[in-house]
């Protein structure tokens, strides 16, 4: 427990230092993105053990998802920054993957669904590393429409897993949502692979 708390504090310090040193909070969009990064650990902390759901967790997850939409709209309206282009997808992955790992650890996502989380994590990490590599080669790899829908499906799966109505009374809801999320995750990963071959990055 002590090591987990220490790790959480370290993550918060790293995010805060990186954001302030790189002038990340120069736009409203970046401010919202950094706020999502800082609030995500609070959501992880209130995810309940096992089935049952939590209205507090549901409400906070809704706020995190809405803020994702808001900072995207602000970025399109006022323009993006280099720090924003890095922090926004990072915030998405911290929120989604962090939530899924906690749901596995607390027994909500178990068995086959725990493997699904592993597949999703592997794809997200691999594509993130590839995009960094492609960027270093001067190749831009913007998120595809499928990738954006994939992120939404992952958010929906987490939302249904913590919503009391669906977590206990209709578990098939979050299970089907996670099936859809992992399918879209694999599909978007394949699409990135095709684009990599087409762009001949490497």
Protein backbone atom coordinates (compact mmCIF):
# COMPACT_ATOMS: atom_id res chain seq x y z
CA UNK A 1 0.00 0.00 0.00
CA UNK A 2 2.82 2.39 0.93
CA UNK A 3 4.63 1.74 -2.36
CA UNK A 4 1.39 2.33 -4.30
CA UNK A 5 0.85 5.65 -2.54
CA UNK A 6 4.48 6.62 -3.21
CA UNK A 7 4.07 5.73 -6.90
CA UNK A 8 0.88 7.79 -7.12
CA UNK A 9 2.62 10.82 -5.61
CA UNK A 10 5.54 10.37 -8.00
CA UNK A 11 3.19 10.30 -10.99
CA UNK A 12 1.47 13.48 -9.81
CA UNK A 13 4.83 15.25 -9.34
CA UNK A 14 6.02 14.12 -12.80
CA UNK A 15 2.85 15.34 -14.52
CA UNK A 16 2.91 18.67 -12.70
CA UNK A 17 6.61 19.29 -13.37
CA UNK A 18 6.35 18.33 -17.04
CA UNK A 19 3.27 20.50 -17.55
CA UNK A 20 4.70 23.61 -15.90
CA UNK A 21 8.22 23.30 -17.32
CA UNK A 22 6.94 22.88 -20.89
CA UNK A 23 4.39 25.66 -20.53
CA UNK A 24 1.72 23.06 -21.25
CA UNK A 25 -1.02 25.07 -19.61
CA UNK A 26 -0.83 27.88 -22.16
CA UNK A 27 -4.24 27.14 -23.60
CA UNK A 28 -7.59 26.18 -22.14
CA UNK A 29 -7.42 22.86 -23.98
CA UNK A 30 -4.11 21.99 -22.34
CA UNK A 31 -5.40 23.07 -18.94
CA UNK A 32 -8.33 20.67 -19.29
CA UNK A 33 -5.99 17.89 -20.45
CA UNK A 34 -3.65 18.33 -17.47
CA UNK A 35 -6.68 18.38 -15.17
CA UNK A 36 -7.75 15.01 -16.59
CA UNK A 37 -4.31 13.60 -15.85
CA UNK A 38 -4.44 14.84 -12.27
CA UNK A 39 -8.01 13.67 -11.61
CA UNK A 40 -7.60 10.17 -13.08
CA UNK A 41 -5.84 8.73 -9.98
CA UNK A 42 -8.78 9.91 -7.87
CA UNK A 43 -11.11 7.89 -10.09
CA UNK A 44 -8.88 4.84 -9.73
CA UNK A 45 -9.06 5.17 -5.95
CA UNK A 46 -12.87 5.10 -5.80
CA UNK A 47 -13.45 2.19 -8.18
CA UNK A 48 -15.20 -0.40 -5.97
CA UNK A 49 -13.92 -3.89 -5.24
CA UNK A 50 -15.75 -6.51 -7.29
CA UNK A 51 -19.21 -6.12 -8.85
CA UNK A 52 -21.56 -3.52 -7.49
CA UNK A 53 -20.61 -0.28 -9.12
CA UNK A 54 -20.40 3.16 -7.58
CA UNK A 55 -22.38 6.30 -8.34
CA UNK A 56 -19.42 8.44 -7.28
CA UNK A 57 -17.13 6.58 -9.68
CA UNK A 58 -19.74 6.79 -12.44
CA UNK A 59 -20.11 10.54 -11.98
CA UNK A 60 -16.37 11.17 -11.98
CA UNK A 61 -15.87 8.95 -15.04
CA UNK A 62 -18.59 10.90 -16.85
CA UNK A 63 -16.77 14.15 -16.02
CA UNK A 64 -13.48 12.72 -17.31
CA UNK A 65 -15.09 11.61 -20.58
CA UNK A 66 -16.90 14.90 -21.12
CA UNK A 67 -13.69 16.82 -20.43
CA UNK A 68 -12.02 14.74 -23.15
CA UNK A 69 -14.61 16.01 -25.62
CA UNK A 70 -14.29 19.58 -24.32
CA UNK A 71 -10.51 19.80 -24.66
CA UNK A 72 -10.77 18.39 -28.18
CA UNK A 73 -13.25 21.09 -29.15
CA UNK A 74 -11.11 23.79 -27.53
CA UNK A 75 -8.02 22.55 -29.37
CA UNK A 76 -9.84 22.62 -32.71
CA UNK A 77 -11.15 26.11 -32.02
CA UNK A 78 -8.00 27.74 -30.68
CA UNK A 79 -5.28 25.56 -32.17
CA UNK A 80 -3.06 22.86 -30.72
CA UNK A 81 0.38 23.05 -29.14
CA UNK A 82 3.19 20.49 -29.20
CA UNK A 83 2.65 19.80 -25.52
CA UNK A 84 -1.08 19.40 -26.12
CA UNK A 85 -0.51 16.96 -28.97
CA UNK A 86 1.54 14.85 -26.55
CA UNK A 87 -0.54 15.25 -23.39
CA UNK A 88 -4.02 14.64 -24.86
CA UNK A 89 -3.46 11.03 -26.04
CA UNK A 90 -1.42 10.43 -22.87
CA UNK A 91 -4.39 11.54 -20.75
CA UNK A 92 -6.69 9.20 -22.70
CA UNK A 93 -4.41 6.22 -22.16
CA UNK A 94 -3.77 6.97 -18.48
CA UNK A 95 -7.51 7.22 -17.82
CA UNK A 96 -8.63 4.18 -19.83
CA UNK A 97 -5.76 1.77 -19.20
CA UNK A 98 -5.42 2.80 -15.57
CA UNK A 99 -9.14 2.21 -15.03
CA UNK A 100 -9.06 -1.18 -16.74
CA UNK A 101 -6.03 -2.33 -14.76
CA UNK A 102 -7.76 -1.34 -11.52
CA UNK A 103 -10.93 -3.18 -12.61
CA UNK A 104 -8.81 -6.28 -13.21
CA UNK A 105 -7.03 -5.92 -9.87
CA UNK A 106 -10.34 -5.49 -8.02
CA UNK A 107 -11.99 -8.49 -9.64
CA UNK A 108 -14.47 -6.85 -12.01
CA UNK A 109 -12.60 -7.75 -15.20
CA UNK A 110 -11.50 -11.35 -14.68
CA UNK A 111 -10.78 -14.43 -16.79
CA UNK A 112 -11.18 -13.72 -20.50
CA UNK A 113 -11.90 -10.05 -19.84
CA UNK A 114 -8.58 -9.63 -18.04
CA UNK A 115 -6.92 -10.97 -21.20
CA UNK A 116 -8.90 -8.41 -23.20
CA UNK A 117 -7.36 -5.67 -21.06
CA UNK A 118 -3.91 -7.10 -21.80
CA UNK A 119 -4.63 -7.00 -25.54
CA UNK A 120 -5.87 -3.42 -25.33
CA UNK A 121 -2.82 -2.35 -23.31
CA UNK A 122 -0.40 -4.05 -25.71
CA UNK A 123 -1.98 -2.34 -28.71
CA UNK A 124 -2.02 1.10 -27.06
CA UNK A 125 1.62 0.88 -25.97
CA UNK A 126 2.81 -0.51 -29.31
CA UNK A 127 1.02 2.12 -31.39
CA UNK A 128 2.14 4.93 -29.08
CA UNK A 129 5.78 3.85 -29.46
CA UNK A 130 5.34 3.52 -33.20
CA UNK A 131 3.87 7.01 -33.50
CA UNK A 132 6.84 8.43 -31.59
CA UNK A 133 9.21 6.57 -33.94
CA UNK A 134 7.27 7.71 -37.01
CA UNK A 135 7.27 11.29 -35.76
CA UNK A 136 11.05 11.18 -35.39
CA UNK A 137 11.18 10.13 -39.06
CA UNK A 138 8.97 13.07 -40.01
CA UNK A 139 5.87 10.94 -40.64
CA UNK A 140 2.61 12.19 -39.15
CA UNK A 141 0.21 9.51 -37.89
CA UNK A 142 -3.00 11.29 -36.83
CA UNK A 143 -5.69 9.25 -35.12
CA UNK A 144 -8.04 7.57 -37.58
CA UNK A 145 -11.81 7.60 -37.30
CA UNK A 146 -11.71 3.97 -36.19
CA UNK A 147 -9.17 4.83 -33.48
CA UNK A 148 -11.43 7.60 -32.18
CA UNK A 149 -14.42 5.26 -32.08
CA UNK A 150 -12.17 2.69 -30.38
CA UNK A 151 -11.36 5.16 -27.60
CA UNK A 152 -15.06 5.93 -27.15
CA UNK A 153 -15.89 2.21 -26.95
CA UNK A 154 -13.24 1.73 -24.26
CA UNK A 155 -14.67 4.63 -22.27
CA UNK A 156 -18.18 3.15 -22.57
CA UNK A 157 -16.96 -0.25 -21.36
CA UNK A 158 -15.37 1.28 -18.26
CA UNK A 159 -18.47 3.39 -17.65
CA UNK A 160 -20.81 0.40 -17.75
CA UNK A 161 -18.44 -1.55 -15.47
CA UNK A 162 -18.73 1.05 -12.69
CA UNK A 163 -22.37 2.07 -13.23
CA UNK A 164 -24.40 0.31 -10.48
CA UNK A 165 -27.35 -0.53 -12.78
CA UNK A 166 -25.23 -2.35 -15.34
CA UNK A 167 -22.47 -3.61 -13.04
CA UNK A 168 -24.90 -5.71 -11.00
CA UNK A 169 -28.27 -6.02 -12.76
CA UNK A 170 -27.11 -6.20 -16.38
CA UNK A 171 -23.46 -7.31 -16.50
CA UNK A 172 -23.97 -8.41 -20.11
CA UNK A 173 -23.92 -4.68 -20.95
CA UNK A 174 -20.32 -4.06 -19.91
CA UNK A 175 -19.24 -7.48 -21.20
CA UNK A 176 -20.59 -6.79 -24.70
CA UNK A 177 -19.09 -3.30 -24.55
CA UNK A 178 -15.67 -4.74 -23.73
CA UNK A 179 -15.97 -7.27 -26.57
CA UNK A 180 -16.70 -4.37 -28.95
CA UNK A 181 -13.84 -2.32 -27.49
CA UNK A 182 -11.26 -5.08 -27.95
CA UNK A 183 -12.50 -5.78 -31.50
CA UNK A 184 -12.15 -2.10 -32.45
CA UNK A 185 -8.79 -1.96 -30.70
CA UNK A 186 -7.48 -4.83 -32.83
CA UNK A 187 -9.03 -3.38 -36.01
CA UNK A 188 -7.50 0.05 -35.50
CA UNK A 189 -4.15 -1.59 -34.72
CA UNK A 190 -4.27 -3.49 -38.01
CA UNK A 191 -5.11 -0.24 -39.82
CA UNK A 192 -2.06 1.44 -38.27
CA UNK A 193 0.03 -1.52 -39.42
CA UNK A 194 -1.21 -1.09 -42.99
CA UNK A 195 -0.44 2.63 -42.84
CA UNK A 196 3.05 1.83 -41.53
CA UNK A 197 3.73 -0.44 -44.51
CA UNK A 198 2.28 2.14 -46.91
CA UNK A 199 4.37 4.96 -45.43
CA UNK A 200 7.43 2.69 -45.24
CA UNK A 201 8.43 3.92 -41.81
CA UNK A 202 11.47 2.11 -40.44
